[in-house]
Amino acid sequence: MTGYGGRRSRAERDAITVETGYALCSAAFAAVVVLGAVAGPALLFELPGAFETVLRHTGLVLAAVLFAVRTVSVLVRFRQAGQPSQPGRTSPDS
């Protein structure tokens, strides 16, 4: 439902679908990068047991938190962004 009680148009549903896909893909990419940066040394090099375990667990936790935060922030920003009153115009005086 839109803010006025009507049904969403096809374009609005498509925009929501695209934005959701973008949020999930960008969050997954960011999580993989952080996981690789934090846990990568533990996978590439032979480190002491406890240090290796800490790096792996820290990488997993940071990646999961980053995934959730990135997804929510993109979707909240999309929801707060208002639609232009005149499509195709970039500023009120154009």
N, C-alpha and C. Protein backbone atom coordinates (compact mmCIF):
# COMPACT_ATOMS: atom_id res chain seq x y z
N MET A 1 0.83 -1.18 0.00
CA MET A 1 0.00 0.00 0.00
C MET A 1 0.87 1.25 0.00
N THR A 2 0.44 2.24 -0.72
CA THR A 2 1.17 3.50 -0.74
C THR A 2 0.71 4.38 0.42
N GLY A 3 1.32 5.54 0.54
CA GLY A 3 0.97 6.46 1.61
C GLY A 3 -0.47 6.97 1.52
N TYR A 4 -1.06 6.87 0.34
CA TYR A 4 -2.41 7.39 0.14
C TYR A 4 -3.47 6.30 0.19
N GLY A 5 -3.08 5.09 0.52
CA GLY A 5 -4.05 4.02 0.65
C GLY A 5 -4.30 3.27 -0.64
N GLY A 6 -3.66 3.66 -1.74
CA GLY A 6 -3.83 2.95 -2.99
C GLY A 6 -2.86 1.80 -3.14
N ARG A 7 -3.00 1.09 -4.22
CA ARG A 7 -2.07 0.00 -4.49
C ARG A 7 -0.81 0.52 -5.15
N ARG A 8 0.27 -0.22 -4.99
CA ARG A 8 1.53 0.17 -5.62
C ARG A 8 1.46 -0.09 -7.12
N SER A 9 2.06 0.80 -7.86
CA SER A 9 2.11 0.60 -9.31
C SER A 9 3.19 -0.43 -9.63
N ARG A 10 3.20 -0.87 -10.84
CA ARG A 10 4.20 -1.84 -11.29
C ARG A 10 5.61 -1.25 -11.16
N ALA A 11 5.76 0.02 -11.49
CA ALA A 11 7.06 0.68 -11.39
C ALA A 11 7.54 0.74 -9.94
N GLU A 12 6.64 1.00 -9.01
CA GLU A 12 7.01 1.03 -7.59
C GLU A 12 7.43 -0.34 -7.10
N ARG A 13 6.71 -1.37 -7.51
CA ARG A 13 7.09 -2.73 -7.12
C ARG A 13 8.42 -3.12 -7.72
N ASP A 14 8.66 -2.73 -8.96
CA ASP A 14 9.95 -3.01 -9.60
C ASP A 14 11.09 -2.28 -8.89
N ALA A 15 10.85 -1.04 -8.50
CA ALA A 15 11.88 -0.26 -7.80
C ALA A 15 12.21 -0.91 -6.46
N ILE A 16 11.22 -1.40 -5.75
CA ILE A 16 11.44 -2.06 -4.47
C ILE A 16 12.24 -3.34 -4.68
N THR A 17 11.92 -4.10 -5.72
CA THR A 17 12.63 -5.34 -6.01
C THR A 17 14.09 -5.07 -6.35
N VAL A 18 14.33 -4.07 -7.19
CA VAL A 18 15.70 -3.73 -7.58
C VAL A 18 16.48 -3.25 -6.36
N GLU A 19 15.87 -2.42 -5.54
CA GLU A 19 16.57 -1.90 -4.36
C GLU A 19 16.88 -3.00 -3.35
N THR A 20 15.97 -3.95 -3.19
CA THR A 20 16.22 -5.08 -2.30
C THR A 20 17.37 -5.93 -2.83
N GLY A 21 17.39 -6.18 -4.12
CA GLY A 21 18.49 -6.93 -4.72
C GLY A 21 19.81 -6.22 -4.56
N TYR A 22 19.81 -4.90 -4.76
CA TYR A 22 21.03 -4.12 -4.58
C TYR A 22 21.50 -4.18 -3.14
N ALA A 23 20.58 -4.05 -2.21
CA ALA A 23 20.94 -4.09 -0.78
C ALA A 23 21.59 -5.42 -0.43
N LEU A 24 21.02 -6.51 -0.89
CA LEU A 24 21.55 -7.83 -0.56
C LEU A 24 22.90 -8.08 -1.24
N CYS A 25 23.02 -7.71 -2.50
CA CYS A 25 24.28 -7.94 -3.22
C CYS A 25 25.41 -7.07 -2.68
N SER A 26 25.13 -5.81 -2.41
CA SER A 26 26.19 -4.94 -1.89
C SER A 26 26.58 -5.35 -0.48
N ALA A 27 25.61 -5.81 0.31
CA ALA A 27 25.92 -6.28 1.66
C ALA A 27 26.74 -7.56 1.62
N ALA A 28 26.40 -8.46 0.71
CA ALA A 28 27.17 -9.70 0.59
C ALA A 28 28.60 -9.41 0.15
N PHE A 29 28.77 -8.51 -0.80
CA PHE A 29 30.12 -8.15 -1.27
C PHE A 29 30.94 -7.55 -0.13
N ALA A 30 30.35 -6.61 0.60
CA ALA A 30 31.07 -5.97 1.71
C ALA A 30 31.42 -6.99 2.79
N ALA A 31 30.52 -7.91 3.08
CA ALA A 31 30.78 -8.94 4.09
C ALA A 31 31.92 -9.86 3.66
N VAL A 32 31.95 -10.24 2.40
CA VAL A 32 33.02 -11.11 1.91
C VAL A 32 34.37 -10.39 1.97
N VAL A 33 34.39 -9.12 1.63
CA VAL A 33 35.64 -8.35 1.69
C VAL A 33 36.15 -8.28 3.13
N VAL A 34 35.26 -7.98 4.07
CA VAL A 34 35.67 -7.90 5.48
C VAL A 34 36.11 -9.27 5.99
N LEU A 35 35.38 -10.30 5.65
CA LEU A 35 35.76 -11.65 6.06
C LEU A 35 37.15 -12.01 5.52
N GLY A 36 37.39 -11.70 4.27
CA GLY A 36 38.70 -11.98 3.68
C GLY A 36 39.81 -11.17 4.32
N ALA A 37 39.53 -9.92 4.65
CA ALA A 37 40.55 -9.07 5.26
C ALA A 37 40.89 -9.51 6.68
N VAL A 38 39.88 -9.94 7.42
CA VAL A 38 40.12 -10.30 8.82
C VAL A 38 40.56 -11.76 8.97
N ALA A 39 39.83 -12.67 8.33
CA ALA A 39 40.13 -14.10 8.50
C ALA A 39 41.11 -14.62 7.45
N GLY A 40 41.36 -13.83 6.41
CA GLY A 40 42.27 -14.27 5.35
C GLY A 40 43.65 -14.66 5.82
N PRO A 41 44.29 -13.87 6.66
CA PRO A 41 45.62 -14.26 7.14
C PRO A 41 45.62 -15.61 7.87
N ALA A 42 44.54 -15.91 8.56
CA ALA A 42 44.46 -17.20 9.26
C ALA A 42 44.37 -18.36 8.27
N LEU A 43 43.81 -18.09 7.10
CA LEU A 43 43.69 -19.14 6.10
C LEU A 43 44.95 -19.28 5.25
N LEU A 44 45.67 -18.18 5.07
CA LEU A 44 46.84 -18.19 4.22
C LEU A 44 48.13 -18.58 4.93
N PHE A 45 48.23 -18.20 6.19
CA PHE A 45 49.48 -18.42 6.93
C PHE A 45 49.24 -19.37 8.09
N GLU A 46 50.29 -20.01 8.50
CA GLU A 46 50.19 -20.88 9.66
C GLU A 46 50.43 -20.03 10.90
N LEU A 47 49.38 -19.83 11.67
CA LEU A 47 49.44 -18.99 12.87
C LEU A 47 49.22 -19.86 14.10
N PRO A 48 49.59 -19.35 15.27
CA PRO A 48 49.30 -20.10 16.51
C PRO A 48 47.80 -20.40 16.61
N GLY A 49 47.46 -21.53 17.17
CA GLY A 49 46.07 -22.02 17.21
C GLY A 49 45.06 -21.03 17.72
N ALA A 50 45.32 -20.41 18.88
CA ALA A 50 44.35 -19.49 19.47
C ALA A 50 44.17 -18.25 18.60
N PHE A 51 45.26 -17.74 18.07
CA PHE A 51 45.19 -16.53 17.24
C PHE A 51 44.42 -16.81 15.95
N GLU A 52 44.64 -17.96 15.38
CA GLU A 52 43.92 -18.34 14.16
C GLU A 52 42.43 -18.45 14.42
N THR A 53 42.06 -19.05 15.53
CA THR A 53 40.65 -19.21 15.89
C THR A 53 40.00 -17.84 16.13
N VAL A 54 40.70 -16.97 16.83
CA VAL A 54 40.16 -15.63 17.10
C VAL A 54 39.95 -14.87 15.80
N LEU A 55 40.89 -14.94 14.88
CA LEU A 55 40.74 -14.24 13.60
C LEU A 55 39.54 -14.77 12.82
N ARG A 56 39.40 -16.07 12.77
CA ARG A 56 38.27 -16.65 12.03
C ARG A 56 36.93 -16.25 12.63
N HIS A 57 36.81 -16.36 13.95
CA HIS A 57 35.54 -16.02 14.59
C HIS A 57 35.24 -14.52 14.49
N THR A 58 36.26 -13.71 14.67
CA THR A 58 36.07 -12.26 14.54
C THR A 58 35.63 -11.90 13.13
N GLY A 59 36.25 -12.51 12.14
CA GLY A 59 35.87 -12.26 10.75
C GLY A 59 34.43 -12.64 10.47
N LEU A 60 34.02 -13.79 10.99
CA LEU A 60 32.63 -14.23 10.78
C LEU A 60 31.64 -13.29 11.45
N VAL A 61 31.93 -12.89 12.68
CA VAL A 61 31.02 -12.00 13.40
C VAL A 61 30.95 -10.63 12.70
N LEU A 62 32.10 -10.08 12.35
CA LEU A 62 32.10 -8.78 11.68
C LEU A 62 31.38 -8.84 10.33
N ALA A 63 31.57 -9.92 9.59
CA ALA A 63 30.91 -10.06 8.30
C ALA A 63 29.39 -10.13 8.47
N ALA A 64 28.93 -10.89 9.45
CA ALA A 64 27.48 -11.01 9.69
C ALA A 64 26.88 -9.68 10.12
N VAL A 65 27.57 -8.98 11.01
CA VAL A 65 27.06 -7.67 11.47
C VAL A 65 27.05 -6.67 10.32
N LEU A 66 28.13 -6.64 9.55
CA LEU A 66 28.19 -5.72 8.41
C LEU A 66 27.10 -6.02 7.39
N PHE A 67 26.84 -7.29 7.12
CA PHE A 67 25.78 -7.68 6.18
C PHE A 67 24.44 -7.12 6.65
N ALA A 68 24.12 -7.31 7.91
CA ALA A 68 22.84 -6.84 8.43
C ALA A 68 22.75 -5.32 8.41
N VAL A 69 23.80 -4.65 8.85
CA VAL A 69 23.79 -3.18 8.90
C VAL A 69 23.69 -2.59 7.50
N ARG A 70 24.44 -3.13 6.56
CA ARG A 70 24.42 -2.61 5.19
C ARG A 70 23.04 -2.81 4.56
N THR A 71 22.45 -3.97 4.74
CA THR A 71 21.14 -4.26 4.16
C THR A 71 20.09 -3.30 4.72
N VAL A 72 20.06 -3.16 6.03
CA VAL A 72 19.06 -2.29 6.66
C VAL A 72 19.28 -0.84 6.25
N SER A 73 20.53 -0.38 6.23
CA SER A 73 20.77 1.02 5.91
C SER A 73 20.36 1.36 4.47
N VAL A 74 20.62 0.46 3.54
CA VAL A 74 20.22 0.71 2.15
C VAL A 74 18.69 0.74 2.03
N LEU A 75 18.01 -0.18 2.68
CA LEU A 75 16.55 -0.23 2.58
C LEU A 75 15.89 0.95 3.30
N VAL A 76 16.44 1.38 4.43
CA VAL A 76 15.88 2.53 5.13
C VAL A 76 16.09 3.79 4.30
N ARG A 77 17.28 3.94 3.71
CA ARG A 77 17.55 5.11 2.88
C ARG A 77 16.61 5.13 1.67
N PHE A 78 16.32 3.98 1.09
CA PHE A 78 15.40 3.91 -0.05
C PHE A 78 13.99 4.32 0.39
N ARG A 79 13.59 3.85 1.55
CA ARG A 79 12.24 4.16 2.02
C ARG A 79 12.07 5.64 2.33
N GLN A 80 13.14 6.28 2.85
CA GLN A 80 13.06 7.69 3.21
C GLN A 80 13.17 8.60 2.00
N ALA A 81 13.75 8.12 0.92
CA ALA A 81 13.91 8.94 -0.28
C ALA A 81 12.53 9.13 -0.91
N GLY A 82 12.12 10.38 -0.98
CA GLY A 82 10.82 10.68 -1.56
C GLY A 82 10.87 10.65 -3.08
N GLN A 83 9.77 10.37 -3.68
CA GLN A 83 9.68 10.39 -5.12
C GLN A 83 9.58 11.84 -5.59
N PRO A 84 10.21 12.18 -6.71
CA PRO A 84 10.12 13.55 -7.20
C PRO A 84 8.68 13.90 -7.57
N SER A 85 8.32 15.16 -7.34
CA SER A 85 6.96 15.58 -7.65
C SER A 85 6.73 15.64 -9.16
N GLN A 86 7.81 15.90 -9.90
CA GLN A 86 7.72 15.94 -11.35
C GLN A 86 8.82 15.03 -11.90
N PRO A 87 8.48 13.82 -12.27
CA PRO A 87 9.50 12.88 -12.75
C PRO A 87 10.30 13.46 -13.91
N GLY A 88 11.61 13.24 -13.86
CA GLY A 88 12.47 13.73 -14.93
C GLY A 88 13.08 15.07 -14.64
N ARG A 89 12.63 15.74 -13.63
CA ARG A 89 13.20 17.04 -13.27
C ARG A 89 14.09 16.88 -12.06
N THR A 90 15.21 17.56 -12.07
CA THR A 90 16.17 17.38 -11.00
C THR A 90 16.09 18.41 -9.90
N SER A 91 15.52 19.55 -10.16
CA SER A 91 15.38 20.58 -9.12
C SER A 91 14.06 21.29 -9.30
N PRO A 92 13.55 21.91 -8.22
CA PRO A 92 12.24 22.54 -8.30
C PRO A 92 12.12 23.66 -9.32
N ASP A 93 13.22 24.35 -9.63
CA ASP A 93 13.12 25.47 -10.55
C ASP A 93 13.52 25.12 -11.98
N SER A 94 13.65 23.86 -12.30
CA SER A 94 14.05 23.50 -13.67
C SER A 94 12.84 23.38 -14.58
